[in-house]
Amino acid sequence: MKTTTLKPQDIKRTWHLIDLDGQILGRAAVKIATLLMGKGKALNGSHLDQGDYVVAINSDKIKVTGKKLTDKIYYSHSGFPGGLKEISLEQLMAKDSRKVIEKAIKGMLPKDKHQQTRQRRLKIFIDDKHPYSQELGLNKKPAK
């Protein structure tokens, strides 16, 4: 038996369109993070980044369960005394719903050298208009 190893030039990236309309935040983030990591591919190796591109649309229409809108709080600190900032999920959704999805997916990605490049392949849009129709194959001319 021979072991096949994946080389960087053998990686083929595909584009995925995910509609977040009516989906639960955590469940959608798991699907997107799995696609970004390339976990569903036949030859999976953690030393290479073989994930796909993901275009997520309708981020304003995502849902959460329970009382997370009011109870979930995101914290950040500037590093200076008294520099703790907090914002609730409801306020962040009103401000920019794309940040909520980015934070959820970033928390699910492995903390390694590939994390930043995986996040760059994630494209999130508030509504269903996006400039990636050609990559997704949505505007293909019909064959004659």
N, C-alpha and C. Protein backbone atom coordinates (compact mmCIF):
# COMPACT_ATOMS: atom_id res chain seq x y z
N MET A 1 0.84 -1.18 0.00
CA MET A 1 0.00 0.00 0.00
C MET A 1 0.89 1.24 0.00
N LYS A 2 0.41 2.26 -0.68
CA LYS A 2 1.17 3.51 -0.74
C LYS A 2 0.36 4.62 -0.09
N THR A 3 1.07 5.49 0.59
CA THR A 3 0.43 6.64 1.20
C THR A 3 0.50 7.80 0.23
N THR A 4 -0.64 8.38 -0.08
CA THR A 4 -0.65 9.54 -0.97
C THR A 4 -0.59 10.80 -0.12
N THR A 5 0.30 11.70 -0.49
CA THR A 5 0.40 12.97 0.21
C THR A 5 -0.05 14.08 -0.71
N LEU A 6 -0.66 15.05 -0.14
CA LEU A 6 -1.20 16.17 -0.89
C LEU A 6 -0.14 17.25 -1.01
N LYS A 7 0.03 17.75 -2.22
CA LYS A 7 0.98 18.83 -2.47
C LYS A 7 0.22 20.13 -2.67
N PRO A 8 0.84 21.28 -2.40
CA PRO A 8 0.12 22.55 -2.55
C PRO A 8 -0.45 22.79 -3.94
N GLN A 9 0.22 22.30 -4.98
CA GLN A 9 -0.28 22.52 -6.33
C GLN A 9 -1.47 21.62 -6.67
N ASP A 10 -1.74 20.60 -5.86
CA ASP A 10 -2.86 19.70 -6.09
C ASP A 10 -4.16 20.19 -5.47
N ILE A 11 -4.11 21.26 -4.71
CA ILE A 11 -5.30 21.75 -4.01
C ILE A 11 -6.22 22.45 -4.99
N LYS A 12 -7.49 22.02 -4.99
CA LYS A 12 -8.51 22.65 -5.83
C LYS A 12 -9.55 23.28 -4.91
N ARG A 13 -9.72 24.58 -5.06
CA ARG A 13 -10.68 25.30 -4.22
C ARG A 13 -11.96 25.55 -5.00
N THR A 14 -13.08 25.28 -4.37
CA THR A 14 -14.37 25.56 -4.98
C THR A 14 -15.06 26.69 -4.21
N TRP A 15 -16.10 27.23 -4.79
CA TRP A 15 -16.86 28.32 -4.19
C TRP A 15 -18.20 27.79 -3.72
N HIS A 16 -18.62 28.21 -2.52
CA HIS A 16 -19.90 27.79 -1.95
C HIS A 16 -20.72 29.03 -1.61
N LEU A 17 -22.00 28.99 -1.90
CA LEU A 17 -22.93 30.06 -1.56
C LEU A 17 -23.83 29.57 -0.44
N ILE A 18 -23.84 30.29 0.68
CA ILE A 18 -24.67 29.90 1.82
C ILE A 18 -25.62 31.05 2.13
N ASP A 19 -26.92 30.74 2.13
CA ASP A 19 -27.94 31.73 2.45
C ASP A 19 -28.26 31.61 3.94
N LEU A 20 -28.00 32.67 4.69
CA LEU A 20 -28.19 32.66 6.14
C LEU A 20 -29.60 33.03 6.56
N ASP A 21 -30.50 33.22 5.62
CA ASP A 21 -31.86 33.63 5.92
C ASP A 21 -32.59 32.58 6.77
N GLY A 22 -32.89 32.92 8.02
CA GLY A 22 -33.62 32.04 8.92
C GLY A 22 -32.79 30.95 9.57
N GLN A 23 -31.48 30.91 9.33
CA GLN A 23 -30.64 29.89 9.94
C GLN A 23 -30.18 30.31 11.33
N ILE A 24 -29.87 29.32 12.16
CA ILE A 24 -29.36 29.57 13.50
C ILE A 24 -27.87 29.90 13.40
N LEU A 25 -27.43 30.90 14.16
CA LEU A 25 -26.06 31.41 14.07
C LEU A 25 -25.00 30.32 14.26
N GLY A 26 -25.08 29.55 15.33
CA GLY A 26 -24.05 28.55 15.62
C GLY A 26 -24.01 27.43 14.61
N ARG A 27 -25.18 26.97 14.17
CA ARG A 27 -25.22 25.86 13.22
C ARG A 27 -24.69 26.28 11.85
N ALA A 28 -25.01 27.50 11.45
CA ALA A 28 -24.49 28.01 10.18
C ALA A 28 -22.98 28.23 10.26
N ALA A 29 -22.50 28.69 11.41
CA ALA A 29 -21.07 28.93 11.59
C ALA A 29 -20.28 27.62 11.53
N VAL A 30 -20.85 26.55 12.04
CA VAL A 30 -20.18 25.24 11.98
C VAL A 30 -20.02 24.80 10.53
N LYS A 31 -21.09 24.94 9.73
CA LYS A 31 -21.02 24.56 8.32
C LYS A 31 -19.96 25.37 7.58
N ILE A 32 -19.95 26.68 7.82
CA ILE A 32 -19.01 27.55 7.13
C ILE A 32 -17.58 27.25 7.55
N ALA A 33 -17.35 27.06 8.84
CA ALA A 33 -16.00 26.77 9.33
C ALA A 33 -15.49 25.44 8.76
N THR A 34 -16.35 24.46 8.62
CA THR A 34 -15.96 23.17 8.05
C THR A 34 -15.55 23.33 6.60
N LEU A 35 -16.29 24.15 5.84
CA LEU A 35 -15.93 24.39 4.44
C LEU A 35 -14.62 25.15 4.33
N LEU A 36 -14.41 26.13 5.21
CA LEU A 36 -13.17 26.92 5.17
C LEU A 36 -11.95 26.07 5.50
N MET A 37 -12.12 25.06 6.36
CA MET A 37 -11.00 24.20 6.73
C MET A 37 -10.76 23.09 5.71
N GLY A 38 -11.77 22.74 4.91
CA GLY A 38 -11.62 21.66 3.94
C GLY A 38 -11.76 20.29 4.57
N LYS A 39 -12.52 20.17 5.64
CA LYS A 39 -12.64 18.91 6.37
C LYS A 39 -13.37 17.83 5.56
N GLY A 40 -14.23 18.23 4.64
CA GLY A 40 -15.01 17.24 3.90
C GLY A 40 -14.28 16.65 2.71
N LYS A 41 -13.06 17.04 2.47
CA LYS A 41 -12.33 16.55 1.31
C LYS A 41 -11.69 15.20 1.60
N ALA A 42 -11.43 14.45 0.53
CA ALA A 42 -10.94 13.08 0.68
C ALA A 42 -9.56 13.04 1.33
N LEU A 43 -8.64 13.83 0.84
CA LEU A 43 -7.29 13.86 1.42
C LEU A 43 -7.19 15.07 2.32
N ASN A 44 -7.34 14.86 3.60
CA ASN A 44 -7.33 15.96 4.55
C ASN A 44 -6.03 15.92 5.35
N GLY A 45 -5.27 16.99 5.27
CA GLY A 45 -4.04 17.09 6.04
C GLY A 45 -3.99 18.42 6.76
N SER A 46 -3.64 18.41 8.01
CA SER A 46 -3.65 19.65 8.77
C SER A 46 -2.47 20.56 8.45
N HIS A 47 -1.45 20.03 7.78
CA HIS A 47 -0.28 20.85 7.47
C HIS A 47 -0.53 21.75 6.26
N LEU A 48 -1.56 21.45 5.46
CA LEU A 48 -1.90 22.27 4.31
C LEU A 48 -3.28 22.87 4.48
N ASP A 49 -3.45 24.08 3.97
CA ASP A 49 -4.75 24.73 3.99
C ASP A 49 -5.45 24.42 2.68
N GLN A 50 -6.43 23.54 2.71
CA GLN A 50 -7.10 23.15 1.47
C GLN A 50 -8.59 23.48 1.50
N GLY A 51 -8.96 24.49 2.27
CA GLY A 51 -10.35 24.89 2.37
C GLY A 51 -10.85 25.61 1.14
N ASP A 52 -12.16 25.80 1.09
CA ASP A 52 -12.82 26.43 -0.05
C ASP A 52 -13.19 27.87 0.27
N TYR A 53 -13.67 28.56 -0.76
CA TYR A 53 -14.20 29.91 -0.60
C TYR A 53 -15.67 29.81 -0.21
N VAL A 54 -16.11 30.69 0.68
CA VAL A 54 -17.51 30.70 1.11
C VAL A 54 -18.05 32.11 0.99
N VAL A 55 -19.19 32.22 0.30
CA VAL A 55 -19.92 33.49 0.19
C VAL A 55 -21.20 33.31 0.98
N ALA A 56 -21.34 34.09 2.06
CA ALA A 56 -22.53 34.02 2.91
C ALA A 56 -23.36 35.27 2.67
N ILE A 57 -24.64 35.07 2.34
CA ILE A 57 -25.52 36.21 2.07
C ILE A 57 -26.64 36.28 3.11
N ASN A 58 -27.29 37.43 3.19
CA ASN A 58 -28.41 37.69 4.11
C ASN A 58 -28.00 37.56 5.57
N SER A 59 -26.91 38.21 5.95
CA SER A 59 -26.45 38.11 7.33
C SER A 59 -27.39 38.82 8.31
N ASP A 60 -28.18 39.77 7.84
CA ASP A 60 -29.12 40.46 8.72
C ASP A 60 -30.28 39.56 9.16
N LYS A 61 -30.52 38.48 8.44
CA LYS A 61 -31.68 37.63 8.71
C LYS A 61 -31.34 36.38 9.51
N ILE A 62 -30.16 36.36 10.13
CA ILE A 62 -29.77 35.19 10.92
C ILE A 62 -30.49 35.22 12.27
N LYS A 63 -30.73 34.06 12.84
CA LYS A 63 -31.47 33.95 14.10
C LYS A 63 -30.57 33.35 15.18
N VAL A 64 -30.94 33.60 16.43
CA VAL A 64 -30.30 32.97 17.57
C VAL A 64 -31.38 32.39 18.47
N THR A 65 -31.02 31.40 19.28
CA THR A 65 -32.00 30.75 20.14
C THR A 65 -31.91 31.32 21.55
N GLY A 66 -32.96 31.12 22.29
CA GLY A 66 -32.98 31.53 23.70
C GLY A 66 -32.92 33.03 23.88
N LYS A 67 -32.25 33.46 24.96
CA LYS A 67 -32.15 34.88 25.29
C LYS A 67 -30.78 35.44 24.91
N LYS A 68 -30.16 34.87 23.88
CA LYS A 68 -28.81 35.29 23.52
C LYS A 68 -28.76 36.73 23.04
N LEU A 69 -29.82 37.22 22.42
CA LEU A 69 -29.80 38.60 21.93
C LEU A 69 -29.49 39.60 23.03
N THR A 70 -30.03 39.37 24.21
CA THR A 70 -29.80 40.31 25.30
C THR A 70 -28.71 39.85 26.26
N ASP A 71 -28.54 38.53 26.42
CA ASP A 71 -27.61 38.01 27.43
C ASP A 71 -26.19 37.82 26.94
N LYS A 72 -26.00 37.56 25.63
CA LYS A 72 -24.65 37.32 25.11
C LYS A 72 -23.93 38.66 24.96
N ILE A 73 -22.75 38.74 25.54
CA ILE A 73 -21.98 39.99 25.53
C ILE A 73 -20.58 39.70 24.98
N TYR A 74 -20.14 40.54 24.06
CA TYR A 74 -18.80 40.46 23.51
C TYR A 74 -17.92 41.47 24.23
N TYR A 75 -16.76 41.02 24.69
CA TYR A 75 -15.83 41.87 25.43
C TYR A 75 -14.59 42.14 24.59
N SER A 76 -14.04 43.35 24.76
CA SER A 76 -12.73 43.66 24.18
C SER A 76 -12.03 44.61 25.12
N HIS A 77 -10.70 44.57 25.13
CA HIS A 77 -9.92 45.41 26.03
C HIS A 77 -8.83 46.10 25.25
N SER A 78 -8.64 47.38 25.52
CA SER A 78 -7.64 48.16 24.79
C SER A 78 -6.23 47.93 25.32
N GLY A 79 -6.11 47.39 26.52
CA GLY A 79 -4.80 47.20 27.12
C GLY A 79 -4.46 48.29 28.12
N PHE A 80 -5.23 49.35 28.15
CA PHE A 80 -5.03 50.43 29.09
C PHE A 80 -5.97 50.26 30.28
N PRO A 81 -5.63 50.83 31.44
CA PRO A 81 -6.52 50.73 32.60
C PRO A 81 -7.89 51.34 32.28
N GLY A 82 -8.93 50.59 32.61
CA GLY A 82 -10.29 51.05 32.35
C GLY A 82 -10.69 50.91 30.90
N GLY A 83 -9.95 50.12 30.12
CA GLY A 83 -10.21 50.00 28.69
C GLY A 83 -11.09 48.84 28.30
N LEU A 84 -11.87 48.30 29.24
CA LEU A 84 -12.75 47.18 28.93
C LEU A 84 -14.01 47.71 28.24
N LYS A 85 -14.31 47.17 27.09
CA LYS A 85 -15.52 47.55 26.35
C LYS A 85 -16.39 46.31 26.22
N GLU A 86 -17.68 46.50 26.27
CA GLU A 86 -18.61 45.39 26.09
C GLU A 86 -19.77 45.84 25.22
N ILE A 87 -20.25 44.91 24.40
CA ILE A 87 -21.37 45.18 23.52
C ILE A 87 -22.22 43.91 23.46
N SER A 88 -23.52 44.05 23.53
CA SER A 88 -24.39 42.88 23.50
C SER A 88 -24.58 42.43 22.05
N LEU A 89 -25.07 41.21 21.91
CA LEU A 89 -25.31 40.65 20.58
C LEU A 89 -26.33 41.48 19.83
N GLU A 90 -27.35 41.93 20.52
CA GLU A 90 -28.40 42.74 19.89
C GLU A 90 -27.84 44.05 19.34
N GLN A 91 -26.96 44.71 20.11
CA GLN A 91 -26.36 45.96 19.66
C GLN A 91 -25.41 45.72 18.49
N LEU A 92 -24.64 44.63 18.53
CA LEU A 92 -23.72 44.33 17.45
C LEU A 92 -24.46 43.94 16.18
N MET A 93 -25.59 43.25 16.32
CA MET A 93 -26.41 42.92 15.14
C MET A 93 -26.96 44.18 14.50
N ALA A 94 -27.37 45.15 15.32
CA ALA A 94 -27.89 46.40 14.78
C ALA A 94 -26.78 47.22 14.13
N LYS A 95 -25.59 47.15 14.70
CA LYS A 95 -24.45 47.92 14.18
C LYS A 95 -23.91 47.30 12.90
N ASP A 96 -23.53 46.02 12.95
CA ASP A 96 -22.99 45.31 11.79
C ASP A 96 -23.15 43.82 12.01
N SER A 97 -24.11 43.20 11.34
CA SER A 97 -24.39 41.78 11.55
C SER A 97 -23.28 40.89 11.00
N ARG A 98 -22.45 41.40 10.10
CA ARG A 98 -21.36 40.60 9.56
C ARG A 98 -20.32 40.29 10.63
N LYS A 99 -20.10 41.22 11.56
CA LYS A 99 -19.11 41.01 12.63
C LYS A 99 -19.52 39.84 13.53
N VAL A 100 -20.82 39.69 13.77
CA VAL A 100 -21.30 38.59 14.62
C VAL A 100 -20.92 37.25 13.99
N ILE A 101 -21.14 37.13 12.70
CA ILE A 101 -20.84 35.88 12.01
C ILE A 101 -19.34 35.65 11.94
N GLU A 102 -18.57 36.71 11.68
CA GLU A 102 -17.11 36.58 11.64
C GLU A 102 -16.55 36.11 12.97
N LYS A 103 -17.07 36.66 14.07
CA LYS A 103 -16.59 36.27 15.40
C LYS A 103 -16.95 34.82 15.70
N ALA A 104 -18.14 34.39 15.31
CA ALA A 104 -18.56 33.01 15.57
C ALA A 104 -17.69 32.03 14.79
N ILE A 105 -17.39 32.36 13.54
CA ILE A 105 -16.59 31.46 12.71
C ILE A 105 -15.13 31.48 13.16
N LYS A 106 -14.60 32.64 13.53
CA LYS A 106 -13.22 32.73 13.97
C LYS A 106 -12.99 31.88 15.22
N GLY A 107 -13.98 31.82 16.10
CA GLY A 107 -13.86 31.00 17.30
C GLY A 107 -13.85 29.52 17.00
N MET A 108 -14.38 29.12 15.84
CA MET A 108 -14.44 27.70 15.48
C MET A 108 -13.26 27.24 14.64
N LEU A 109 -12.49 28.18 14.10
CA LEU A 109 -11.32 27.81 13.31
C LEU A 109 -10.15 27.49 14.24
N PRO A 110 -9.27 26.56 13.84
CA PRO A 110 -8.11 26.27 14.66
C PRO A 110 -7.18 27.47 14.76
N LYS A 111 -6.56 27.63 15.91
CA LYS A 111 -5.65 28.75 16.14
C LYS A 111 -4.26 28.34 15.66
N ASP A 112 -4.05 28.41 14.36
CA ASP A 112 -2.77 28.04 13.78
C ASP A 112 -2.39 29.02 12.69
N LYS A 113 -1.37 28.69 11.93
CA LYS A 113 -0.86 29.63 10.91
C LYS A 113 -1.82 29.81 9.74
N HIS A 114 -2.83 28.95 9.61
CA HIS A 114 -3.77 29.05 8.49
C HIS A 114 -5.01 29.86 8.82
N GLN A 115 -5.19 30.27 10.07
CA GLN A 115 -6.43 30.91 10.47
C GLN A 115 -6.73 32.19 9.68
N GLN A 116 -5.74 33.03 9.49
CA GLN A 116 -5.96 34.29 8.79
C GLN A 116 -6.29 34.08 7.32
N THR A 117 -5.62 33.16 6.67
CA THR A 117 -5.90 32.91 5.26
C THR A 117 -7.26 32.27 5.07
N ARG A 118 -7.68 31.47 6.01
CA ARG A 118 -9.02 30.88 5.94
C ARG A 118 -10.08 31.96 6.09
N GLN A 119 -9.85 32.89 7.00
CA GLN A 119 -10.82 33.96 7.20
C GLN A 119 -10.90 34.89 5.99
N ARG A 120 -9.82 35.04 5.26
CA ARG A 120 -9.84 35.88 4.06
C ARG A 120 -10.70 35.27 2.96
N ARG A 121 -10.88 33.97 2.98
CA ARG A 121 -11.71 33.31 1.97
C ARG A 121 -13.19 33.37 2.30
N LEU A 122 -13.54 33.95 3.42
CA LEU A 122 -14.93 34.10 3.82
C LEU A 122 -15.43 35.48 3.39
N LYS A 123 -16.50 35.50 2.61
CA LYS A 123 -17.09 36.75 2.14
C LYS A 123 -18.52 36.81 2.67
N ILE A 124 -18.83 37.82 3.50
CA ILE A 124 -20.14 37.93 4.12
C ILE A 124 -20.81 39.20 3.61
N PHE A 125 -22.09 39.08 3.25
CA PHE A 125 -22.86 40.21 2.74
C PHE A 125 -24.18 40.32 3.49
N ILE A 126 -24.62 41.58 3.68
CA ILE A 126 -25.84 41.85 4.45
C ILE A 126 -27.09 41.39 3.71
N ASP A 127 -27.12 41.60 2.39
CA ASP A 127 -28.27 41.17 1.60
C ASP A 127 -27.81 40.16 0.56
N ASP A 128 -28.65 39.90 -0.45
CA ASP A 128 -28.30 38.86 -1.41
C ASP A 128 -27.53 39.38 -2.62
N LYS A 129 -27.06 40.60 -2.60
CA LYS A 129 -26.26 41.15 -3.69
C LYS A 129 -24.78 40.98 -3.38
N HIS A 130 -24.04 40.36 -4.31
CA HIS A 130 -22.61 40.16 -4.11
C HIS A 130 -21.91 40.12 -5.46
N PRO A 131 -20.61 40.44 -5.52
CA PRO A 131 -19.89 40.48 -6.79
C PRO A 131 -19.26 39.15 -7.21
N TYR A 132 -19.61 38.04 -6.58
CA TYR A 132 -18.95 36.77 -6.85
C TYR A 132 -19.81 35.82 -7.66
N SER A 133 -20.70 36.34 -8.48
CA SER A 133 -21.59 35.48 -9.27
C SER A 133 -20.82 34.63 -10.26
N GLN A 134 -19.79 35.20 -10.87
CA GLN A 134 -19.02 34.45 -11.86
C GLN A 134 -18.27 33.29 -11.23
N GLU A 135 -17.64 33.52 -10.07
CA GLU A 135 -16.90 32.45 -9.41
C GLU A 135 -17.82 31.31 -8.97
N LEU A 136 -19.04 31.67 -8.59
CA LEU A 136 -20.00 30.66 -8.14
C LEU A 136 -20.67 29.95 -9.30
N GLY A 137 -20.51 30.49 -10.50
CA GLY A 137 -21.13 29.87 -11.67
C GLY A 137 -22.58 30.23 -11.82
N LEU A 138 -23.02 31.36 -11.26
CA LEU A 138 -24.42 31.74 -11.34
C LEU A 138 -24.75 32.46 -12.65
N ASN A 139 -23.77 33.10 -13.27
CA ASN A 139 -24.02 33.86 -14.49
C ASN A 139 -23.41 33.18 -15.72
N LYS A 140 -23.42 31.88 -15.73
CA LYS A 140 -22.89 31.18 -16.89
C LYS A 140 -23.85 31.34 -18.07
N LYS A 141 -23.26 31.50 -19.25
CA LYS A 141 -24.08 31.59 -20.44
C LYS A 141 -24.55 30.19 -20.80
N PRO A 142 -25.81 30.07 -21.20
CA PRO A 142 -26.29 28.73 -21.57
C PRO A 142 -25.56 28.19 -22.80
N ALA A 143 -25.32 26.91 -22.78
CA ALA A 143 -24.63 26.27 -23.90
C ALA A 143 -25.56 26.22 -25.10
N LYS A 144 -24.98 26.47 -26.29
CA LYS A 144 -25.80 26.45 -27.51
C LYS A 144 -25.73 25.12 -28.18
